[in-house]
């Protein structure tokens, strides 16, 4: 009798498990899209760049300073435009190519000393 109860319980568990697995649907794949400005704001908070200094960079341009190199690298990595030490030009073009014309960012990217940030 005990064997029958145990066997019944195992069969019920297996049936419930297989029924639950049959209804399993994987989670939808989420993609987070963010603007250049959003990525830059996140990096400024992460790197503790004061807001007034960030606004100055936006008004006057990015000076050639180590803090700015790290900020730019953070933004590029945040946008997935910097991978394995290489500028992904096609990714960056999605953010700045408003006229639909070919744009080359490589010349500035190859000479930019971003590798100094984070020991890279």
PDB file of N, CA and C in Angstrom:
ATOM      1  N   UNK A   1       0.816  -1.186   0.000  1.00  0.00           N
ATOM      2  CA  UNK A   1       0.000   0.000   0.000  1.00  0.00           C
ATOM      3  C   UNK A   1       0.862   1.252   0.000  1.00  0.00           C
ATOM      4  N   UNK A   2       1.930   1.231   0.838  1.00  0.00           N
ATOM      5  CA  UNK A   2       2.829   2.384   0.890  1.00  0.00           C
ATOM      6  C   UNK A   2       3.506   2.619  -0.455  1.00  0.00           C
ATOM      7  N   UNK A   3       3.873   1.528  -1.108  1.00  0.00           N
ATOM      8  CA  UNK A   3       4.515   1.659  -2.420  1.00  0.00           C
ATOM      9  C   UNK A   3       3.555   2.293  -3.409  1.00  0.00           C
ATOM     10  N   UNK A   4       2.281   1.926  -3.318  1.00  0.00           N
ATOM     11  CA  UNK A   4       1.277   2.495  -4.221  1.00  0.00           C
ATOM     12  C   UNK A   4       1.127   3.995  -3.983  1.00  0.00           C
ATOM     13  N   UNK A   5       1.091   4.423  -2.730  1.00  0.00           N
ATOM     14  CA  UNK A   5       0.961   5.847  -2.406  1.00  0.00           C
ATOM     15  C   UNK A   5       2.186   6.632  -2.869  1.00  0.00           C
ATOM     16  N   UNK A   6       3.352   6.067  -2.637  1.00  0.00           N
ATOM     17  CA  UNK A   6       4.585   6.744  -3.059  1.00  0.00           C
ATOM     18  C   UNK A   6       4.635   6.836  -4.577  1.00  0.00           C
ATOM     19  N   UNK A   7       4.296   5.734  -5.249  1.00  0.00           N
ATOM     20  CA  UNK A   7       4.293   5.719  -6.710  1.00  0.00           C
ATOM     21  C   UNK A   7       3.266   6.707  -7.256  1.00  0.00           C
ATOM     22  N   UNK A   8       2.111   6.790  -6.630  1.00  0.00           N
ATOM     23  CA  UNK A   8       1.079   7.743  -7.059  1.00  0.00           C
ATOM     24  C   UNK A   8       1.561   9.181  -6.873  1.00  0.00           C
ATOM     25  N   UNK A   9       2.226   9.441  -5.759  1.00  0.00           N
ATOM     26  CA  UNK A   9       2.736  10.790  -5.495  1.00  0.00           C
ATOM     27  C   UNK A   9       3.802  11.172  -6.512  1.00  0.00           C
ATOM     28  N   UNK A  10       4.680  10.239  -6.848  1.00  0.00           N
ATOM     29  CA  UNK A  10       5.734  10.513  -7.836  1.00  0.00           C
ATOM     30  C   UNK A  10       5.123  10.778  -9.200  1.00  0.00           C
ATOM     31  N   UNK A  11       4.152   9.975  -9.595  1.00  0.00           N
ATOM     32  CA  UNK A  11       3.491  10.170 -10.891  1.00  0.00           C
ATOM     33  C   UNK A  11       2.781  11.518 -10.924  1.00  0.00           C
ATOM     34  N   UNK A  12       2.111  11.881  -9.837  1.00  0.00           N
ATOM     35  CA  UNK A  12       1.419  13.169  -9.776  1.00  0.00           C
ATOM     36  C   UNK A  12       2.417  14.322  -9.878  1.00  0.00           C
ATOM     37  N   UNK A  13       3.555  14.189  -9.207  1.00  0.00           N
ATOM     38  CA  UNK A  13       4.580  15.240  -9.285  1.00  0.00           C
ATOM     39  C   UNK A  13       5.138  15.354 -10.691  1.00  0.00           C
ATOM     40  N   UNK A  14       5.428  14.220 -11.309  1.00  0.00           N
ATOM     41  CA  UNK A  14       5.958  14.249 -12.675  1.00  0.00           C
ATOM     42  C   UNK A  14       4.945  14.821 -13.652  1.00  0.00           C
ATOM     43  N   UNK A  15       3.689  14.472 -13.482  1.00  0.00           N
ATOM     44  CA  UNK A  15       2.647  14.995 -14.370  1.00  0.00           C
ATOM     45  C   UNK A  15       2.511  16.505 -14.192  1.00  0.00           C
ATOM     46  N   UNK A  16       2.547  16.967 -12.950  1.00  0.00           N
ATOM     47  CA  UNK A  16       2.455  18.407 -12.694  1.00  0.00           C
ATOM     48  C   UNK A  16       3.656  19.153 -13.244  1.00  0.00           C
ATOM     49  N   UNK A  17       4.836  18.558 -13.096  1.00  0.00           N
ATOM     50  CA  UNK A  17       6.050  19.193 -13.601  1.00  0.00           C
ATOM     51  C   UNK A  17       6.035  19.265 -15.116  1.00  0.00           C
ATOM     52  N   UNK A  18       5.661  18.181 -15.768  1.00  0.00           N
ATOM     53  CA  UNK A  18       5.642  18.194 -17.234  1.00  0.00           C
ATOM     54  C   UNK A  18       4.576  19.146 -17.753  1.00  0.00           C
ATOM     55  N   UNK A  19       3.464  19.254 -17.047  1.00  0.00           N
ATOM     56  CA  UNK A  19       2.419  20.189 -17.456  1.00  0.00           C
ATOM     57  C   UNK A  19       2.913  21.625 -17.286  1.00  0.00           C
ATOM     58  N   UNK A  20       3.606  21.888 -16.196  1.00  0.00           N
ATOM     59  CA  UNK A  20       4.139  23.239 -15.968  1.00  0.00           C
ATOM     60  C   UNK A  20       5.198  23.574 -17.008  1.00  0.00           C
ATOM     61  N   UNK A  21       6.043  22.601 -17.346  1.00  0.00           N
ATOM     62  CA  UNK A  21       7.068  22.852 -18.356  1.00  0.00           C
ATOM     63  C   UNK A  21       6.467  23.029 -19.735  1.00  0.00           C
ATOM     64  N   UNK A  22       5.373  22.380 -19.998  1.00  0.00           N
ATOM     65  CA  UNK A  22       4.712  22.528 -21.293  1.00  0.00           C
ATOM     66  C   UNK A  22       4.180  23.929 -21.504  1.00  0.00           C
ATOM     67  N   UNK A  23       3.837  24.626 -20.423  1.00  0.00           N
ATOM     68  CA  UNK A  23       3.320  25.987 -20.522  1.00  0.00           C
ATOM     69  C   UNK A  23       4.422  27.032 -20.385  1.00  0.00           C
ATOM     70  N   UNK A  24       5.654  26.593 -20.259  1.00  0.00           N
ATOM     71  CA  UNK A  24       6.765  27.518 -20.061  1.00  0.00           C
ATOM     72  C   UNK A  24       6.972  28.379 -21.299  1.00  0.00           C
ATOM     73  N   UNK A  25       7.035  29.670 -21.072  1.00  0.00           N
ATOM     74  CA  UNK A  25       7.375  30.605 -22.142  1.00  0.00           C
ATOM     75  C   UNK A  25       8.578  31.401 -21.680  1.00  0.00           C
ATOM     76  N   UNK A  26       9.605  31.476 -22.499  1.00  0.00           N
ATOM     77  CA  UNK A  26      10.779  32.239 -22.075  1.00  0.00           C
ATOM     78  C   UNK A  26      10.441  33.714 -21.917  1.00  0.00           C
ATOM     79  N   UNK A  27      11.198  34.371 -21.066  1.00  0.00           N
ATOM     80  CA  UNK A  27      10.993  35.799 -20.875  1.00  0.00           C
ATOM     81  C   UNK A  27      11.271  36.544 -22.177  1.00  0.00           C
ATOM     82  N   UNK A  28      10.534  37.594 -22.435  1.00  0.00           N
ATOM     83  CA  UNK A  28      10.807  38.357 -23.652  1.00  0.00           C
ATOM     84  C   UNK A  28      12.185  39.001 -23.570  1.00  0.00           C
ATOM     85  N   UNK A  29      12.801  39.183 -24.717  1.00  0.00           N
ATOM     86  CA  UNK A  29      14.129  39.787 -24.796  1.00  0.00           C
ATOM     87  C   UNK A  29      13.982  41.301 -24.754  1.00  0.00           C
ATOM     88  N   UNK A  30      14.537  41.906 -23.742  1.00  0.00           N
ATOM     89  CA  UNK A  30      14.428  43.352 -23.597  1.00  0.00           C
ATOM     90  C   UNK A  30      15.687  44.031 -24.118  1.00  0.00           C
ATOM     91  N   UNK A  31      15.512  45.130 -24.797  1.00  0.00           N
ATOM     92  CA  UNK A  31      16.613  45.949 -25.269  1.00  0.00           C
ATOM     93  C   UNK A  31      16.413  47.341 -24.698  1.00  0.00           C
ATOM     94  N   UNK A  32      17.438  47.858 -24.086  1.00  0.00           N
ATOM     95  CA  UNK A  32      17.352  49.199 -23.535  1.00  0.00           C
ATOM     96  C   UNK A  32      18.025  50.160 -24.493  1.00  0.00           C
ATOM     97  N   UNK A  33      17.272  51.117 -24.966  1.00  0.00           N
ATOM     98  CA  UNK A  33      17.823  52.134 -25.843  1.00  0.00           C
ATOM     99  C   UNK A  33      17.973  53.414 -25.047  1.00  0.00           C
ATOM    100  N   UNK A  34      19.114  54.031 -25.175  1.00  0.00           N
ATOM    101  CA  UNK A  34      19.315  55.293 -24.478  1.00  0.00           C
ATOM    102  C   UNK A  34      20.006  56.258 -25.418  1.00  0.00           C
ATOM    103  N   UNK A  35      19.796  57.510 -25.156  1.00  0.00           N
ATOM    104  CA  UNK A  35      20.416  58.538 -25.977  1.00  0.00           C
ATOM    105  C   UNK A  35      21.847  58.772 -25.503  1.00  0.00           C
ATOM    106  N   UNK A  36      22.587  59.491 -26.323  1.00  0.00           N
ATOM    107  CA  UNK A  36      23.943  59.860 -25.947  1.00  0.00           C
ATOM    108  C   UNK A  36      23.915  60.677 -24.654  1.00  0.00           C
ATOM    109  N   UNK A  37      22.947  61.586 -24.551  1.00  0.00           N
ATOM    110  CA  UNK A  37      22.843  62.436 -23.365  1.00  0.00           C
ATOM    111  C   UNK A  37      22.546  61.613 -22.109  1.00  0.00           C
ATOM    112  N   UNK A  38      21.677  60.607 -22.230  1.00  0.00           N
ATOM    113  CA  UNK A  38      21.373  59.747 -21.082  1.00  0.00           C
ATOM    114  C   UNK A  38      22.606  58.958 -20.655  1.00  0.00           C
ATOM    115  N   UNK A  39      23.327  58.421 -21.631  1.00  0.00           N
ATOM    116  CA  UNK A  39      24.538  57.664 -21.320  1.00  0.00           C
ATOM    117  C   UNK A  39      25.575  58.564 -20.665  1.00  0.00           C
ATOM    118  N   UNK A  40      25.699  59.785 -21.167  1.00  0.00           N
ATOM    119  CA  UNK A  40      26.663  60.722 -20.596  1.00  0.00           C
ATOM    120  C   UNK A  40      26.271  61.112 -19.171  1.00  0.00           C
ATOM    121  N   UNK A  41      24.989  61.319 -18.933  1.00  0.00           N
ATOM    122  CA  UNK A  41      24.527  61.668 -17.584  1.00  0.00           C
ATOM    123  C   UNK A  41      24.798  60.524 -16.606  1.00  0.00           C
ATOM    124  N   UNK A  42      24.562  59.279 -17.028  1.00  0.00           N
ATOM    125  CA  UNK A  42      24.847  58.122 -16.174  1.00  0.00           C
ATOM    126  C   UNK A  42      26.330  58.055 -15.834  1.00  0.00           C
ATOM    127  N   UNK A  43      27.172  58.279 -16.834  1.00  0.00           N
ATOM    128  CA  UNK A  43      28.614  58.207 -16.612  1.00  0.00           C
ATOM    129  C   UNK A  43      29.095  59.350 -15.732  1.00  0.00           C
ATOM    130  N   UNK A  44      28.506  60.516 -15.886  1.00  0.00           N
ATOM    131  CA  UNK A  44      28.890  61.654 -15.045  1.00  0.00           C
ATOM    132  C   UNK A  44      28.582  61.354 -13.580  1.00  0.00           C
ATOM    133  N   UNK A  45      27.454  60.725 -13.325  1.00  0.00           N
ATOM    134  CA  UNK A  45      27.116  60.338 -11.949  1.00  0.00           C
ATOM    135  C   UNK A  45      28.089  59.273 -11.459  1.00  0.00           C
ATOM    136  N   UNK A  46      28.336  58.263 -12.293  1.00  0.00           N
ATOM    137  CA  UNK A  46      29.225  57.165 -11.918  1.00  0.00           C
ATOM    138  C   UNK A  46      30.640  57.660 -11.621  1.00  0.00           C
ATOM    139  N   UNK A  47      31.141  58.577 -12.450  1.00  0.00           N
ATOM    140  CA  UNK A  47      32.504  59.090 -12.290  1.00  0.00           C
ATOM    141  C   UNK A  47      32.576  60.325 -11.397  1.00  0.00           C
ATOM    142  N   UNK A  48      31.432  60.725 -10.859  1.00  0.00           N
ATOM    143  CA  UNK A  48      31.337  61.868  -9.951  1.00  0.00           C
ATOM    144  C   UNK A  48      31.843  63.160 -10.589  1.00  0.00           C
ATOM    145  N   UNK A  49      31.452  63.379 -11.842  1.00  0.00           N
ATOM    146  CA  UNK A  49      31.757  64.634 -12.522  1.00  0.00           C
ATOM    147  C   UNK A  49      30.675  65.627 -12.124  1.00  0.00           C
ATOM    148  N   UNK A  50      31.052  66.763 -11.535  1.00  0.00           N
ATOM    149  CA  UNK A  50      30.042  67.742 -11.120  1.00  0.00           C
ATOM    150  C   UNK A  50      29.218  68.240 -12.304  1.00  0.00           C
ATOM    151  N   UNK A  51      27.960  68.548 -12.039  1.00  0.00           N
ATOM    152  CA  UNK A  51      27.047  68.962 -13.103  1.00  0.00           C
ATOM    153  C   UNK A  51      27.512  70.239 -13.793  1.00  0.00           C
ATOM    154  N   UNK A  52      28.048  71.187 -13.041  1.00  0.00           N
ATOM    155  CA  UNK A  52      28.507  72.429 -13.674  1.00  0.00           C
ATOM    156  C   UNK A  52      29.668  72.172 -14.630  1.00  0.00           C
ATOM    157  N   UNK A  53      30.542  71.238 -14.275  1.00  0.00           N
ATOM    158  CA  UNK A  53      31.656  70.899 -15.164  1.00  0.00           C
ATOM    159  C   UNK A  53      31.148  70.185 -16.417  1.00  0.00           C
ATOM    160  N   UNK A  54      30.177  69.293 -16.244  1.00  0.00           N
ATOM    161  CA  UNK A  54      29.595  68.608 -17.396  1.00  0.00           C
ATOM    162  C   UNK A  54      28.928  69.605 -18.333  1.00  0.00           C
ATOM    163  N   UNK A  55      28.217  70.571 -17.783  1.00  0.00           N
ATOM    164  CA  UNK A  55      27.581  71.602 -18.614  1.00  0.00           C
ATOM    165  C   UNK A  55      28.628  72.430 -19.355  1.00  0.00           C
ATOM    166  N   UNK A  56      29.759  72.686 -18.699  1.00  0.00           N
ATOM    167  CA  UNK A  56      30.847  73.412 -19.369  1.00  0.00           C
ATOM    168  C   UNK A  56      31.395  72.601 -20.542  1.00  0.00           C
ATOM    169  N   UNK A  57      31.538  71.290 -20.362  1.00  0.00           N
ATOM    170  CA  UNK A  57      32.003  70.440 -21.456  1.00  0.00           C
ATOM    171  C   UNK A  57      31.039  70.515 -22.631  1.00  0.00           C
ATOM    172  N   UNK A  58      29.756  70.499 -22.330  1.00  0.00           N
ATOM    173  CA  UNK A  58      28.754  70.544 -23.391  1.00  0.00           C
ATOM    174  C   UNK A  58      28.775  71.882 -24.123  1.00  0.00           C
ATOM    175  N   UNK A  59      29.014  72.967 -23.401  1.00  0.00           N
ATOM    176  CA  UNK A  59      29.051  74.299 -24.019  1.00  0.00           C
ATOM    177  C   UNK A  59      30.337  74.543 -24.798  1.00  0.00           C
ATOM    178  N   UNK A  60      31.471  74.202 -24.173  1.00  0.00           N
ATOM    179  CA  UNK A  60      32.770  74.608 -24.705  1.00  0.00           C
ATOM    180  C   UNK A  60      33.537  73.484 -25.386  1.00  0.00           C
ATOM    181  N   UNK A  61      33.072  72.278 -25.264  1.00  0.00           N
ATOM    182  CA  UNK A  61      33.791  71.141 -25.834  1.00  0.00           C
ATOM    183  C   UNK A  61      34.511  70.362 -24.743  1.00  0.00           C
ATOM    184  N   UNK A  62      35.038  69.227 -25.124  1.00  0.00           N
ATOM    185  CA  UNK A  62      35.695  68.335 -24.178  1.00  0.00           C
ATOM    186  C   UNK A  62      37.197  68.611 -24.187  1.00  0.00           C
ATOM    187  N   UNK A  63      37.753  69.109 -23.081  1.00  0.00           N
ATOM    188  CA  UNK A  63      39.195  69.371 -23.042  1.00  0.00           C
ATOM    189  C   UNK A  63      39.988  68.066 -22.984  1.00  0.00           C
ATOM    190  N   UNK A  64      41.251  68.167 -23.329  1.00  0.00           N
ATOM    191  CA  UNK A  64      42.136  67.007 -23.331  1.00  0.00           C
ATOM    192  C   UNK A  64      42.677  66.795 -21.920  1.00  0.00           C
ATOM    193  N   UNK A  65      41.848  66.204 -21.064  1.00  0.00           N
ATOM    194  CA  UNK A  65      42.195  65.953 -19.664  1.00  0.00           C
ATOM    195  C   UNK A  65      41.847  64.509 -19.320  1.00  0.00           C
ATOM    196  N   UNK A  66      42.571  63.912 -18.380  1.00  0.00           N
ATOM    197  CA  UNK A  66      42.307  62.513 -18.016  1.00  0.00           C
ATOM    198  C   UNK A  66      40.862  62.257 -17.578  1.00  0.00           C
ATOM    199  N   UNK A  67      40.278  63.172 -16.812  1.00  0.00           N
ATOM    200  CA  UNK A  67      38.891  62.991 -16.370  1.00  0.00           C
ATOM    201  C   UNK A  67      37.944  62.911 -17.566  1.00  0.00           C
ATOM    202  N   UNK A  68      38.202  63.731 -18.565  1.00  0.00           N
ATOM    203  CA  UNK A  68      37.348  63.755 -19.754  1.00  0.00           C
ATOM    204  C   UNK A  68      37.555  62.495 -20.579  1.00  0.00           C
ATOM    205  N   UNK A  69      38.790  62.012 -20.660  1.00  0.00           N
ATOM    206  CA  UNK A  69      39.049  60.761 -21.379  1.00  0.00           C
ATOM    207  C   UNK A  69      38.225  59.631 -20.771  1.00  0.00           C
ATOM    208  N   UNK A  70      38.211  59.574 -19.442  1.00  0.00           N
ATOM    209  CA  UNK A  70      37.452  58.524 -18.763  1.00  0.00           C
ATOM    210  C   UNK A  70      35.950  58.699 -18.959  1.00  0.00           C
ATOM    211  N   UNK A  71      35.488  59.940 -18.966  1.00  0.00           N
ATOM    212  CA  UNK A  71      34.067  60.204 -19.206  1.00  0.00           C
ATOM    213  C   UNK A  71      33.669  59.748 -20.606  1.00  0.00           C
ATOM    214  N   UNK A  72      34.485  60.090 -21.593  1.00  0.00           N
ATOM    215  CA  UNK A  72      34.181  59.707 -22.976  1.00  0.00           C
ATOM    216  C   UNK A  72      34.225  58.193 -23.129  1.00  0.00           C
ATOM    217  N   UNK A  73      35.214  57.548 -22.527  1.00  0.00           N
ATOM    218  CA  UNK A  73      35.291  56.088 -22.595  1.00  0.00           C
ATOM    219  C   UNK A  73      34.069  55.450 -21.952  1.00  0.00           C
ATOM    220  N   UNK A  74      33.656  55.970 -20.815  1.00  0.00           N
ATOM    221  CA  UNK A  74      32.470  55.444 -20.134  1.00  0.00           C
ATOM    222  C   UNK A  74      31.237  55.573 -21.023  1.00  0.00           C
ATOM    223  N   UNK A  75      31.074  56.724 -21.654  1.00  0.00           N
ATOM    224  CA  UNK A  75      29.917  56.935 -22.533  1.00  0.00           C
ATOM    225  C   UNK A  75      29.966  55.962 -23.705  1.00  0.00           C
ATOM    226  N   UNK A  76      31.136  55.809 -24.315  1.00  0.00           N
ATOM    227  CA  UNK A  76      31.256  54.890 -25.454  1.00  0.00           C
ATOM    228  C   UNK A  76      30.956  53.453 -25.040  1.00  0.00           C
ATOM    229  N   UNK A  77      31.449  53.048 -23.880  1.00  0.00           N
ATOM    230  CA  UNK A  77      31.160  51.694 -23.409  1.00  0.00           C
ATOM    231  C   UNK A  77      29.690  51.540 -23.054  1.00  0.00           C
ATOM    232  N   UNK A  78      29.097  52.579 -22.486  1.00  0.00           N
ATOM    233  CA  UNK A  78      27.684  52.559 -22.123  1.00  0.00           C
ATOM    234  C   UNK A  78      26.806  52.397 -23.358  1.00  0.00           C
ATOM    235  N   UNK A  79      27.217  52.986 -24.459  1.00  0.00           N
ATOM    236  CA  UNK A  79      26.464  52.893 -25.711  1.00  0.00           C
ATOM    237  C   UNK A  79      26.872  51.678 -26.539  1.00  0.00           C
ATOM    238  N   UNK A  80      27.804  50.887 -26.022  1.00  0.00           N
ATOM    239  CA  UNK A  80      28.349  49.716 -26.728  1.00  0.00           C
ATOM    240  C   UNK A  80      29.062  50.121 -28.017  1.00  0.00           C
ATOM    241  N   UNK A  81      29.669  51.296 -27.992  1.00  0.00           N
ATOM    242  CA  UNK A  81      30.400  51.779 -29.163  1.00  0.00           C
ATOM    243  C   UNK A  81      31.905  51.580 -28.992  1.00  0.00           C
ATOM    244  N   UNK A  82      32.333  51.083 -27.848  1.00  0.00           N
ATOM    245  CA  UNK A  82      33.754  50.812 -27.591  1.00  0.00           C
ATOM    246  C   UNK A  82      33.846  49.399 -27.058  1.00  0.00           C
ATOM    247  N   UNK A  83      34.376  48.488 -27.871  1.00  0.00           N
ATOM    248  CA  UNK A  83      34.460  47.087 -27.464  1.00  0.00           C
ATOM    249  C   UNK A  83      35.829  46.539 -27.811  1.00  0.00           C
ATOM    250  N   UNK A  84      36.423  45.870 -26.866  1.00  0.00           N
ATOM    251  CA  UNK A  84      37.736  45.251 -27.043  1.00  0.00           C
ATOM    252  C   UNK A  84      38.780  46.254 -27.510  1.00  0.00           C
ATOM    253  N   UNK A  85      38.722  47.464 -26.976  1.00  0.00           N
ATOM    254  CA  UNK A  85      39.700  48.483 -27.321  1.00  0.00           C
ATOM    255  C   UNK A  85      39.542  49.068 -28.705  1.00  0.00           C
ATOM    256  N   UNK A  86      38.377  48.890 -29.307  1.00  0.00           N
ATOM    257  CA  UNK A  86      38.143  49.372 -30.668  1.00  0.00           C
ATOM    258  C   UNK A  86      36.860  50.177 -30.722  1.00  0.00           C
ATOM    259  N   UNK A  87      36.927  51.291 -31.419  1.00  0.00           N
ATOM    260  CA  UNK A  87      35.744  52.111 -31.625  1.00  0.00           C
ATOM    261  C   UNK A  87      34.847  51.439 -32.655  1.00  0.00           C
ATOM    262  N   UNK A  88      33.595  51.203 -32.299  1.00  0.00           N
ATOM    263  CA  UNK A  88      32.615  50.609 -33.207  1.00  0.00           C
ATOM    264  C   UNK A  88      31.918  51.753 -33.943  1.00  0.00           C
ATOM    265  N   UNK A  89      32.495  52.133 -35.068  1.00  0.00           N
ATOM    266  CA  UNK A  89      32.034  53.315 -35.795  1.00  0.00           C
ATOM    267  C   UNK A  89      30.568  53.219 -36.191  1.00  0.00           C
ATOM    268  N   UNK A  90      30.123  52.052 -36.608  1.00  0.00           N
ATOM    269  CA  UNK A  90      28.733  51.902 -37.046  1.00  0.00           C
ATOM    270  C   UNK A  90      27.751  52.143 -35.896  1.00  0.00           C
ATOM    271  N   UNK A  91      28.149  51.809 -34.667  1.00  0.00           N
ATOM    272  CA  UNK A  91      27.279  52.053 -33.514  1.00  0.00           C
ATOM    273  C   UNK A  91      27.225  53.544 -33.212  1.00  0.00           C
ATOM    274  N   UNK A  92      28.370  54.173 -33.203  1.00  0.00           N
ATOM    275  CA  UNK A  92      28.431  55.602 -32.902  1.00  0.00           C
ATOM    276  C   UNK A  92      27.723  56.423 -33.972  1.00  0.00           C
ATOM    277  N   UNK A  93      27.779  55.988 -35.204  1.00  0.00           N
ATOM    278  CA  UNK A  93      27.115  56.716 -36.292  1.00  0.00           C
ATOM    279  C   UNK A  93      25.609  56.771 -36.083  1.00  0.00           C
ATOM    280  N   UNK A  94      25.041  55.791 -35.402  1.00  0.00           N
ATOM    281  CA  UNK A  94      23.597  55.803 -35.139  1.00  0.00           C
ATOM    282  C   UNK A  94      23.183  56.975 -34.260  1.00  0.00           C
ATOM    283  N   UNK A  95      24.102  57.498 -33.473  1.00  0.00           N
ATOM    284  CA  UNK A  95      23.776  58.589 -32.560  1.00  0.00           C
ATOM    285  C   UNK A  95      23.995  59.969 -33.161  1.00  0.00           C
ATOM    286  N   UNK A  96      24.848  60.078 -34.170  1.00  0.00           N
ATOM    287  CA  UNK A  96      25.214  61.396 -34.672  1.00  0.00           C
ATOM    288  C   UNK A  96      24.959  61.611 -36.152  1.00  0.00           C
ATOM    289  N   UNK A  97      24.683  60.583 -36.892  1.00  0.00           N
ATOM    290  CA  UNK A  97      24.522  60.723 -38.332  1.00  0.00           C
ATOM    291  C   UNK A  97      23.085  61.119 -38.649  1.00  0.00           C
ATOM    292  N   UNK A  98      22.780  62.391 -38.506  1.00  0.00           N
ATOM    293  CA  UNK A  98      21.414  62.863 -38.696  1.00  0.00           C
ATOM    294  C   UNK A  98      21.065  63.082 -40.162  1.00  0.00           C
ATOM    295  N   UNK A  99      22.054  63.260 -41.014  1.00  0.00           N
ATOM    296  CA  UNK A  99      21.797  63.538 -42.425  1.00  0.00           C
ATOM    297  C   UNK A  99      21.817  62.282 -43.283  1.00  0.00           C
ATOM    298  N   UNK A 100      22.163  61.157 -42.700  1.00  0.00           N
ATOM    299  CA  UNK A 100      22.191  59.912 -43.456  1.00  0.00           C
ATOM    300  C   UNK A 100      23.405  59.782 -44.353  1.00  0.00           C
ATOM    301  N   UNK A 101      24.404  60.630 -44.167  1.00  0.00           N
ATOM    302  CA  UNK A 101      25.618  60.571 -44.972  1.00  0.00           C
ATOM    303  C   UNK A 101      26.688  59.805 -44.210  1.00  0.00           C
ATOM    304  N   UNK A 102      27.616  59.180 -44.924  1.00  0.00           N
ATOM    305  CA  UNK A 102      28.686  58.459 -44.233  1.00  0.00           C
ATOM    306  C   UNK A 102      29.500  59.400 -43.350  1.00  0.00           C
ATOM    307  N   UNK A 103      29.804  58.928 -42.161  1.00  0.00           N
ATOM    308  CA  UNK A 103      30.579  59.721 -41.209  1.00  0.00           C
ATOM    309  C   UNK A 103      31.753  58.875 -40.742  1.00  0.00           C
ATOM    310  N   UNK A 104      32.926  59.480 -40.637  1.00  0.00           N
ATOM    311  CA  UNK A 104      34.099  58.743 -40.160  1.00  0.00           C
ATOM    312  C   UNK A 104      34.522  59.282 -38.807  1.00  0.00           C
ATOM    313  N   UNK A 105      34.454  58.434 -37.790  1.00  0.00           N
ATOM    314  CA  UNK A 105      34.886  58.802 -36.452  1.00  0.00           C
ATOM    315  C   UNK A 105      36.236  58.172 -36.127  1.00  0.00           C
ATOM    316  N   UNK A 106      36.726  57.324 -37.018  1.00  0.00           N
ATOM    317  CA  UNK A 106      37.898  56.512 -36.688  1.00  0.00           C
ATOM    318  C   UNK A 106      39.150  57.335 -36.463  1.00  0.00           C
ATOM    319  N   UNK A 107      39.371  58.363 -37.252  1.00  0.00           N
ATOM    320  CA  UNK A 107      40.622  59.097 -37.113  1.00  0.00           C
ATOM    321  C   UNK A 107      40.774  59.669 -35.716  1.00  0.00           C
ATOM    322  N   UNK A 108      39.749  60.289 -35.200  1.00  0.00           N
ATOM    323  CA  UNK A 108      39.835  60.853 -33.855  1.00  0.00           C
ATOM    324  C   UNK A 108      39.852  59.726 -32.821  1.00  0.00           C
ATOM    325  N   UNK A 109      39.072  58.671 -33.052  1.00  0.00           N
ATOM    326  CA  UNK A 109      39.011  57.569 -32.098  1.00  0.00           C
ATOM    327  C   UNK A 109      40.324  56.827 -31.970  1.00  0.00           C
ATOM    328  N   UNK A 110      41.055  56.671 -33.065  1.00  0.00           N
ATOM    329  CA  UNK A 110      42.310  55.931 -33.021  1.00  0.00           C
ATOM    330  C   UNK A 110      43.404  56.708 -32.302  1.00  0.00           C
ATOM    331  N   UNK A 111      43.323  58.027 -32.349  1.00  0.00           N
ATOM    332  CA  UNK A 111      44.356  58.812 -31.692  1.00  0.00           C
ATOM    333  C   UNK A 111      43.956  59.217 -30.285  1.00  0.00           C
ATOM    334  N   UNK A 112      42.709  59.000 -29.914  1.00  0.00           N
ATOM    335  CA  UNK A 112      42.237  59.406 -28.592  1.00  0.00           C
ATOM    336  C   UNK A 112      42.805  58.460 -27.531  1.00  0.00           C
ATOM    337  N   UNK A 113      43.424  58.991 -26.492  1.00  0.00           N
ATOM    338  CA  UNK A 113      44.082  58.134 -25.494  1.00  0.00           C
ATOM    339  C   UNK A 113      43.112  57.548 -24.474  1.00  0.00           C
ATOM    340  N   UNK A 114      42.043  56.928 -24.930  1.00  0.00           N
ATOM    341  CA  UNK A 114      41.056  56.368 -24.011  1.00  0.00           C
ATOM    342  C   UNK A 114      41.584  55.164 -23.250  1.00  0.00           C
ATOM    343  N   UNK A 115      42.616  54.527 -23.791  1.00  0.00           N
ATOM    344  CA  UNK A 115      43.138  53.328 -23.133  1.00  0.00           C
ATOM    345  C   UNK A 115      43.741  53.626 -21.767  1.00  0.00           C
ATOM    346  N   UNK A 116      43.998  54.903 -21.453  1.00  0.00           N
ATOM    347  CA  UNK A 116      44.565  55.256 -20.148  1.00  0.00           C
ATOM    348  C   UNK A 116      43.551  55.090 -19.021  1.00  0.00           C
ATOM    349  N   UNK A 117      42.278  55.140 -19.331  1.00  0.00           N
ATOM    350  CA  UNK A 117      41.251  55.028 -18.299  1.00  0.00           C
ATOM    351  C   UNK A 117      41.108  53.577 -17.860  1.00  0.00           C
ATOM    352  N   UNK A 118      40.911  53.386 -16.608  1.00  0.00           N
ATOM    353  CA  UNK A 118      40.671  52.056 -16.036  1.00  0.00           C
ATOM    354  C   UNK A 118      41.803  51.085 -16.353  1.00  0.00           C
ATOM    355  N   UNK A 119      42.994  51.590 -16.607  1.00  0.00           N
ATOM    356  CA  UNK A 119      44.138  50.730 -16.873  1.00  0.00           C
ATOM    357  C   UNK A 119      44.091  50.014 -18.197  1.00  0.00           C
ATOM    358  N   UNK A 120      43.336  50.553 -19.161  1.00  0.00           N
ATOM    359  CA  UNK A 120      43.234  49.883 -20.468  1.00  0.00           C
ATOM    360  C   UNK A 120      44.127  50.544 -21.471  1.00  0.00           C
TER     361      UNK A 120
END
